[in-house]
N, C-alpha and C. Protein backbone atom coordinates (compact mmCIF):
# COMPACT_ATOMS: atom_id res chain seq x y z
N UNK A 1 0.65 -1.28 0.13
CA UNK A 1 0.21 0.32 -0.09
C UNK A 1 0.91 1.46 -0.32
N UNK A 2 2.03 1.23 0.62
CA UNK A 2 2.60 2.55 0.89
C UNK A 2 3.64 2.58 -0.26
N UNK A 3 3.46 1.50 -1.33
CA UNK A 3 4.38 1.37 -2.67
C UNK A 3 3.56 2.33 -3.83
N UNK A 4 2.23 2.17 -3.45
CA UNK A 4 1.37 2.55 -4.43
C UNK A 4 1.23 3.99 -3.86
N UNK A 5 1.12 4.35 -2.89
CA UNK A 5 1.11 5.81 -2.60
C UNK A 5 2.14 6.52 -3.09
N UNK A 6 3.59 5.90 -2.55
CA UNK A 6 4.35 6.88 -3.34
C UNK A 6 4.94 6.64 -4.55
N UNK A 7 4.12 5.92 -5.33
CA UNK A 7 4.14 5.89 -7.07
C UNK A 7 3.07 6.84 -7.29
N UNK A 8 2.39 6.86 -7.01
CA UNK A 8 0.99 7.73 -7.41
C UNK A 8 1.71 9.12 -6.96
N UNK A 9 2.70 9.53 -5.83
CA UNK A 9 3.07 10.82 -5.21
C UNK A 9 4.11 11.26 -6.45
N UNK A 10 4.86 10.77 -6.59
CA UNK A 10 6.02 10.42 -7.62
C UNK A 10 5.76 11.04 -8.77
N UNK A 11 4.62 10.08 -9.28
CA UNK A 11 4.24 10.04 -10.73
C UNK A 11 3.62 11.73 -10.75
N UNK A 12 2.66 12.02 -9.58
CA UNK A 12 2.35 13.84 -9.37
C UNK A 12 3.62 14.84 -10.09
N UNK A 13 4.43 14.72 -8.86
CA UNK A 13 5.26 15.34 -8.86
C UNK A 13 6.19 15.52 -10.46
N UNK A 14 6.65 14.28 -11.45
CA UNK A 14 7.25 14.22 -12.11
C UNK A 14 5.93 14.99 -13.27
N UNK A 15 4.45 14.88 -13.22
CA UNK A 15 3.95 15.25 -14.27
C UNK A 15 4.11 17.14 -14.28
N UNK A 16 3.66 17.23 -12.92
CA UNK A 16 3.97 18.92 -12.55
C UNK A 16 5.40 19.66 -12.93
N UNK A 17 6.61 18.93 -13.00
CA UNK A 17 7.74 19.33 -13.10
C UNK A 17 7.80 19.77 -14.68
N UNK A 18 7.03 18.39 -15.52
CA UNK A 18 7.39 18.47 -16.95
C UNK A 18 6.40 19.72 -17.23
N UNK A 19 5.29 19.84 -16.97
CA UNK A 19 4.37 21.36 -16.96
C UNK A 19 4.91 22.11 -16.90
N UNK A 20 5.70 22.60 -16.17
CA UNK A 20 6.40 23.74 -15.73
C UNK A 20 7.45 23.88 -16.55
N UNK A 21 7.64 23.64 -17.72
CA UNK A 21 9.09 23.55 -18.34
C UNK A 21 8.77 24.99 -19.54
N UNK A 22 9.85 25.38 -20.37
CA UNK A 22 9.41 26.34 -20.82
C UNK A 22 8.34 25.99 -21.87
N UNK A 23 7.57 26.87 -22.31
CA UNK A 23 6.52 26.73 -23.84
C UNK A 23 7.30 27.37 -25.02
N UNK A 24 7.19 26.30 -26.36
CA UNK A 24 7.67 26.17 -27.51
C UNK A 24 7.09 26.41 -28.13
N UNK A 25 7.29 27.74 -28.93
CA UNK A 25 6.82 28.21 -30.24
C UNK A 25 7.56 27.82 -31.87
N UNK A 26 6.85 26.66 -32.49
CA UNK A 26 7.72 26.39 -33.67
C UNK A 26 7.50 27.23 -34.56
N UNK A 27 8.39 27.35 -35.90
CA UNK A 27 7.87 28.67 -36.65
C UNK A 27 8.77 27.70 -38.12
N UNK A 28 7.88 27.56 -39.04
CA UNK A 28 8.40 27.70 -40.53
C UNK A 28 8.65 28.61 -41.32
N UNK A 29 9.42 28.27 -42.44
CA UNK A 29 8.85 29.57 -43.30
C UNK A 29 7.03 29.83 -43.74
N UNK A 30 6.16 29.16 -43.62
CA UNK A 30 5.18 29.30 -43.53
C UNK A 30 4.43 30.40 -42.87
N UNK A 31 5.75 31.03 -41.81
CA UNK A 31 5.18 32.09 -41.03
C UNK A 31 5.99 33.03 -41.06
N UNK A 32 6.80 33.12 -42.08
CA UNK A 32 7.27 34.63 -42.48
C UNK A 32 6.41 35.91 -42.37
N UNK A 33 6.85 36.96 -41.83
CA UNK A 33 6.10 37.92 -41.65
C UNK A 33 5.08 38.18 -40.84
N UNK A 34 4.98 36.87 -40.15
CA UNK A 34 3.73 37.01 -39.11
C UNK A 34 4.11 37.39 -37.65
N UNK A 35 3.02 37.61 -36.78
CA UNK A 35 3.33 37.44 -35.48
C UNK A 35 2.89 37.38 -34.31
N UNK A 36 4.11 36.78 -33.48
CA UNK A 36 3.63 35.54 -32.46
C UNK A 36 3.61 36.45 -31.04
N UNK A 37 3.31 36.04 -29.96
CA UNK A 37 3.19 35.99 -28.89
C UNK A 37 3.90 34.86 -27.79
N UNK A 38 4.86 35.31 -26.74
CA UNK A 38 5.39 34.27 -26.35
C UNK A 38 5.66 34.76 -24.79
N UNK A 39 5.94 33.87 -23.99
CA UNK A 39 6.35 34.44 -22.49
C UNK A 39 7.68 34.65 -22.34
N UNK A 40 8.33 35.38 -21.22
CA UNK A 40 9.60 34.98 -20.90
C UNK A 40 10.07 33.69 -20.67
N UNK A 41 11.03 33.55 -20.98
CA UNK A 41 11.66 32.33 -21.14
C UNK A 41 11.40 30.87 -21.78
N UNK A 42 9.94 31.27 -23.01
CA UNK A 42 9.63 30.49 -23.92
C UNK A 42 10.72 30.23 -24.71
N UNK A 43 10.41 29.10 -25.98
CA UNK A 43 11.61 29.11 -26.96
C UNK A 43 10.76 29.43 -27.76
N UNK A 44 11.87 29.70 -28.96
CA UNK A 44 11.16 30.24 -30.36
C UNK A 44 11.96 29.27 -31.49
N UNK A 45 10.89 28.23 -31.75
CA UNK A 45 12.50 27.00 -32.74
C UNK A 45 11.98 27.17 -34.35
N UNK A 46 12.95 27.66 -34.98
CA UNK A 46 12.54 28.03 -36.45
C UNK A 46 13.23 27.19 -37.43
N UNK A 47 12.47 26.61 -37.76
CA UNK A 47 13.14 25.40 -38.73
C UNK A 47 12.77 25.75 -40.17
N UNK A 48 14.05 26.00 -41.01
CA UNK A 48 13.64 26.43 -42.60
C UNK A 48 14.80 25.52 -43.21
N UNK A 49 14.69 25.11 -45.05
CA UNK A 49 14.99 24.67 -45.76
C UNK A 49 16.62 25.45 -45.89
N UNK A 50 17.38 24.52 -46.10
CA UNK A 50 18.97 25.01 -45.98
C UNK A 50 19.77 23.83 -46.63
N UNK A 51 20.58 24.28 -46.61
CA UNK A 51 21.95 23.26 -47.32
C UNK A 51 23.08 23.46 -47.06
N UNK A 52 23.81 23.15 -45.57
CA UNK A 52 25.11 23.86 -45.16
C UNK A 52 26.33 23.64 -46.00
N UNK A 53 26.11 22.12 -46.97
CA UNK A 53 26.80 21.82 -47.61
C UNK A 53 27.38 22.68 -48.82
N UNK A 54 26.83 23.55 -49.12
CA UNK A 54 26.93 24.58 -50.31
C UNK A 54 27.71 25.87 -49.49
N UNK A 55 27.81 25.98 -48.30
CA UNK A 55 28.52 26.96 -47.85
C UNK A 55 27.28 28.16 -46.94
N UNK A 56 25.96 27.84 -47.61
CA UNK A 56 25.13 28.60 -47.22
C UNK A 56 24.44 28.07 -45.57
N UNK A 57 24.05 28.95 -45.15
CA UNK A 57 23.76 28.53 -43.53
C UNK A 57 22.29 29.95 -43.00
N UNK A 58 21.14 29.61 -42.30
CA UNK A 58 20.89 30.66 -41.68
C UNK A 58 21.09 31.29 -40.33
N UNK A 59 21.35 32.31 -40.01
CA UNK A 59 21.67 33.01 -39.31
C UNK A 59 21.18 34.18 -38.67
N UNK A 60 20.96 34.47 -37.61
CA UNK A 60 20.21 35.65 -36.73
C UNK A 60 20.94 37.19 -37.57
N UNK A 61 20.07 37.91 -37.66
CA UNK A 61 20.90 39.35 -38.12
C UNK A 61 20.23 40.34 -37.27
N UNK A 62 21.24 41.22 -37.23
CA UNK A 62 21.00 41.86 -36.14
C UNK A 62 20.30 41.68 -34.77
N UNK A 63 20.64 40.45 -34.12
CA UNK A 63 19.37 39.65 -32.90
C UNK A 63 19.60 40.79 -32.02
N UNK A 64 18.35 41.04 -31.41
CA UNK A 64 18.35 41.64 -30.40
C UNK A 64 18.30 41.28 -29.22
N UNK A 65 19.77 41.13 -28.46
CA UNK A 65 20.43 40.37 -27.30
C UNK A 65 19.91 40.64 -26.24
N UNK A 66 18.91 41.77 -25.75
CA UNK A 66 18.66 42.35 -24.66
C UNK A 66 17.05 41.34 -24.92
N UNK A 67 16.48 40.86 -25.74
CA UNK A 67 15.12 40.23 -26.04
C UNK A 67 15.34 38.40 -25.83
N UNK A 68 16.32 38.28 -26.87
CA UNK A 68 16.49 36.97 -27.44
C UNK A 68 17.99 36.42 -27.14
N UNK A 69 18.17 35.43 -26.77
CA UNK A 69 19.62 34.40 -27.01
C UNK A 69 19.35 32.93 -27.63
N UNK A 70 20.36 32.93 -28.59
CA UNK A 70 20.28 31.75 -29.24
C UNK A 70 20.52 30.71 -28.33
N UNK A 71 20.16 29.65 -28.44
CA UNK A 71 20.30 28.07 -27.52
C UNK A 71 20.79 27.14 -28.56
N UNK A 72 22.12 26.90 -27.82
CA UNK A 72 22.78 26.11 -29.04
C UNK A 72 23.44 26.52 -30.27
N UNK A 73 23.79 25.57 -31.14
CA UNK A 73 23.81 25.71 -32.05
C UNK A 73 22.63 25.49 -33.25
N UNK A 74 22.80 25.96 -34.08
CA UNK A 74 21.81 25.39 -35.56
C UNK A 74 21.95 23.90 -35.31
N UNK A 75 21.03 23.35 -35.64
CA UNK A 75 20.93 22.19 -35.93
C UNK A 75 20.49 21.79 -37.19
N UNK A 76 21.42 20.90 -38.18
CA UNK A 76 21.05 20.23 -39.69
C UNK A 76 20.30 19.05 -39.55
N UNK A 77 19.09 18.63 -40.63
CA UNK A 77 18.85 17.33 -40.51
C UNK A 77 18.51 17.12 -41.76
N UNK A 78 19.59 16.21 -42.68
CA UNK A 78 19.39 15.96 -44.20
C UNK A 78 18.01 15.52 -44.56
N UNK A 79 17.79 15.72 -45.24
CA UNK A 79 16.42 15.12 -46.58
C UNK A 79 16.80 13.83 -46.75
N UNK A 80 18.03 13.47 -46.86
CA UNK A 80 18.56 11.92 -47.53
C UNK A 80 19.84 12.12 -46.48
N UNK A 81 20.05 10.90 -45.50
CA UNK A 81 21.21 10.66 -44.89
C UNK A 81 22.22 9.86 -45.74
N UNK A 82 21.86 9.07 -47.02
CA UNK A 82 22.59 8.71 -47.54
C UNK A 82 23.12 9.26 -48.84
N UNK A 83 22.68 10.70 -48.74
CA UNK A 83 23.40 11.22 -50.37
C UNK A 83 24.46 12.34 -49.52
N UNK A 84 25.34 12.17 -49.72
CA UNK A 84 26.25 13.05 -49.34
C UNK A 84 26.25 14.82 -49.61
N UNK A 85 26.12 15.62 -49.20
CA UNK A 85 25.56 17.02 -49.76
C UNK A 85 24.39 17.42 -49.81
N UNK A 86 23.41 16.42 -49.56
CA UNK A 86 21.86 16.59 -49.28
C UNK A 86 21.57 17.68 -49.00
N UNK A 87 20.13 18.39 -49.24
CA UNK A 87 19.82 19.54 -48.71
C UNK A 87 18.77 18.82 -47.14
N UNK A 88 18.34 19.83 -46.64
CA UNK A 88 17.78 19.04 -45.60
C UNK A 88 17.00 20.52 -44.75
N UNK A 89 16.69 20.26 -43.82
CA UNK A 89 16.54 21.67 -42.30
C UNK A 89 17.29 22.02 -42.03
N UNK A 90 16.99 23.27 -41.18
CA UNK A 90 18.31 24.12 -40.17
C UNK A 90 17.37 24.37 -39.44
N UNK A 91 17.82 24.32 -37.91
CA UNK A 91 17.13 24.29 -36.91
C UNK A 91 17.46 25.48 -35.90
N UNK A 92 17.00 26.32 -35.91
CA UNK A 92 17.78 27.59 -34.63
C UNK A 92 16.21 27.82 -33.62
N UNK A 93 17.22 27.55 -32.27
CA UNK A 93 16.39 28.19 -31.46
C UNK A 93 16.66 29.12 -30.31
N UNK A 94 15.62 30.45 -30.01
CA UNK A 94 16.47 31.11 -29.45
C UNK A 94 14.93 31.10 -27.98
N UNK A 95 15.75 31.77 -27.02
CA UNK A 95 14.96 32.10 -25.71
C UNK A 95 14.49 33.46 -25.20
N UNK A 96 13.24 33.42 -25.06
CA UNK A 96 12.81 34.76 -25.29
C UNK A 96 13.35 35.26 -23.32
N UNK A 97 13.82 36.42 -23.65
CA UNK A 97 14.62 37.06 -22.30
C UNK A 97 14.09 37.77 -21.46
N UNK A 98 13.23 38.63 -22.38
CA UNK A 98 12.46 40.09 -21.53
C UNK A 98 11.15 40.49 -22.18
N UNK A 99 10.39 41.21 -21.67
CA UNK A 99 9.38 41.41 -22.07
C UNK A 99 9.48 42.39 -22.90
N UNK A 100 8.65 42.75 -24.13
CA UNK A 100 8.59 43.59 -25.33
C UNK A 100 8.52 42.98 -26.47
N UNK A 101 8.29 44.05 -27.53
CA UNK A 101 8.42 43.96 -28.89
C UNK A 101 9.59 44.08 -30.03
N UNK A 102 9.81 42.91 -30.64
CA UNK A 102 10.91 43.42 -31.61
C UNK A 102 10.84 42.10 -32.58
N UNK A 103 11.68 42.51 -33.81
CA UNK A 103 11.45 41.41 -34.65
C UNK A 103 12.48 40.64 -34.70
N UNK A 104 12.55 39.42 -35.08
CA UNK A 104 13.28 38.50 -34.94
C UNK A 104 13.67 38.14 -36.89
N UNK A 105 15.11 38.52 -37.24
CA UNK A 105 15.12 38.57 -38.40
C UNK A 105 16.47 37.44 -38.62
N UNK A 106 16.17 36.32 -39.58
CA UNK A 106 17.22 35.73 -40.28
C UNK A 106 17.34 35.84 -41.72
N UNK A 107 18.75 35.36 -41.77
CA UNK A 107 19.07 35.79 -43.45
C UNK A 107 20.10 34.31 -43.63
N UNK A 108 19.41 33.82 -44.88
CA UNK A 108 20.51 32.69 -45.52
C UNK A 108 21.55 33.20 -46.32
N UNK A 109 22.57 32.86 -45.96
CA UNK A 109 24.00 33.56 -46.97
C UNK A 109 24.97 32.75 -46.27
N UNK A 110 26.36 33.05 -47.06
CA UNK A 110 27.74 32.43 -46.76
C UNK A 110 28.20 33.74 -46.06
N UNK A 111 28.37 33.61 -44.65
CA UNK A 111 28.81 34.39 -43.67
C UNK A 111 29.94 35.45 -44.32
N UNK A 112 30.88 34.41 -45.03
CA UNK A 112 32.23 34.90 -45.05
C UNK A 112 32.18 35.99 -46.53
N UNK A 113 30.67 35.77 -47.14
CA UNK A 113 30.79 36.56 -48.06
C UNK A 113 30.28 38.32 -47.77
N UNK A 114 31.30 39.32 -47.83
CA UNK A 114 30.84 40.69 -47.56
C UNK A 114 30.57 41.07 -48.74
N UNK A 115 29.37 42.47 -48.06
CA UNK A 115 28.65 42.95 -49.37
C UNK A 115 27.81 41.86 -50.64
N UNK A 116 27.46 40.91 -50.07
CA UNK A 116 26.62 40.23 -51.05
C UNK A 116 25.47 39.73 -50.12
N UNK A 117 24.35 40.01 -50.90
CA UNK A 117 22.97 40.06 -50.54
C UNK A 117 22.35 38.69 -50.01
N UNK A 118 22.13 38.14 -48.89
CA UNK A 118 21.85 37.19 -48.27
C UNK A 118 20.32 36.63 -49.55
N UNK A 119 20.19 35.06 -49.79
CA UNK A 119 19.45 34.69 -51.10
C UNK A 119 18.08 34.33 -50.34
N UNK A 120 18.15 34.34 -49.22
CA UNK A 120 16.90 34.25 -48.69
C UNK A 120 16.58 34.71 -47.05
N UNK A 121 15.50 35.13 -46.81
CA UNK A 121 15.20 35.84 -45.47
C UNK A 121 14.33 35.40 -44.76
N UNK A 122 13.95 35.43 -43.59
CA UNK A 122 12.88 35.10 -42.54
C UNK A 122 12.87 36.17 -41.73
N UNK A 123 11.42 36.88 -41.24
CA UNK A 123 11.40 38.10 -40.36
C UNK A 123 10.10 37.38 -39.68
N UNK A 124 9.65 37.51 -38.57
CA UNK A 124 8.82 37.75 -37.53
C UNK A 124 8.98 38.75 -36.71
N UNK A 125 7.90 39.21 -36.30
CA UNK A 125 7.57 40.14 -34.86
C UNK A 125 7.12 39.71 -33.75
N UNK A 126 7.62 39.67 -32.97
CA UNK A 126 7.82 38.48 -31.44
C UNK A 126 7.23 39.36 -30.14
N UNK A 127 6.21 39.67 -30.03
CA UNK A 127 5.60 40.34 -28.52
C UNK A 127 6.31 39.12 -27.18
N UNK A 128 6.82 39.85 -26.49
CA UNK A 128 7.49 38.68 -25.26
C UNK A 128 6.60 39.58 -24.24
N UNK A 129 5.79 38.27 -23.56
CA UNK A 129 5.22 39.25 -22.36
C UNK A 129 5.52 38.89 -20.91
């Protein structure tokens, strides 16, 4: 009987702890130009088509570091893991740091090419509550 009670107490604690984690807003190219609302400490996960083997990558442009923090490194997932150099998706994760409204701008470019326009861009307006 005591084991059963301890099991249920543990289960309730685990469920409460997992429910308290940061929320995650997932964005794709379809969300380009949109407006989104998140809370402080929430994550904004942006997944866009890319191919790092060409030298191009998605990167935050003029990131407002008072509002957002890049979490970890961008993650690439290939569409075809058997094909060397295949395209796929690149995912960047940002954490909302404080309340306010700003624009999150990403560019798809070769970072070492100065004075060359990016070949694609992504921009959303984010309000952090």
